[in-house]
Amino acid sequence: MLTLPKKIYLRGMKRLWKVSYIQSAGKLIIIEHPYRELALYGKKYSKSAALSLIARWVRLKAQDFLIALVKQQNRRVKATYKKIIIRSHDSQWGSYLPSKNISLDYKLIFLPPRLIKNVVLHELCHTKYWTHATKFWRELAKFDKKYKKHDNELNQAEEYIPPWVIF
């Protein structure tokens, strides 16, 4: 049985939030207070409703963080893409789509910064080389010398995702 988190660590941002649950009149809401405190207020509510609201908050944090990171890394890579999409992926951390959009999994925010950066650089390099041919790996190596190590780490990266996260 899932329990509601008392703390949320967004490893990619290196930030920890304390979470409190406060019974109050009205519907369930989430408020981010100063000093990284998150509070859920509401009359009786289900765990699934609370987790859904927390997941939405995490997605918003991930969206701001990941979009900024893509733009920052793209100053080096100089890739061309249309837009950045942050959503939940079933089996991959990111993808470069035929529509020329970069899609990233919001759950990346729970991973160490080096792995997030690797995924971002990987997708930016796909804007130049669609497949994983030798040219693609050479391009990625220009920006991430340890890409092989990072790729191997990404195979076990789900261990960083807290059990309460809604997939």
Foldseek 3Di string as FASTA:
>chain_A
DDDDDQKDQQQQVRDIAGEEEEEDDDDWDWDQDPPRYIYIYYHDDDPVVVLVRVLVVLLVVLVVVLQVLLVVVCVVLVFDADEEAEDADDPDQWAQDPNRYTYGYSQCSLFHNLLSNLSSLLRRLCSVPVDPDPVSVVSSCVPPVCSVVSVVVVVVRCVSRDPSHDD
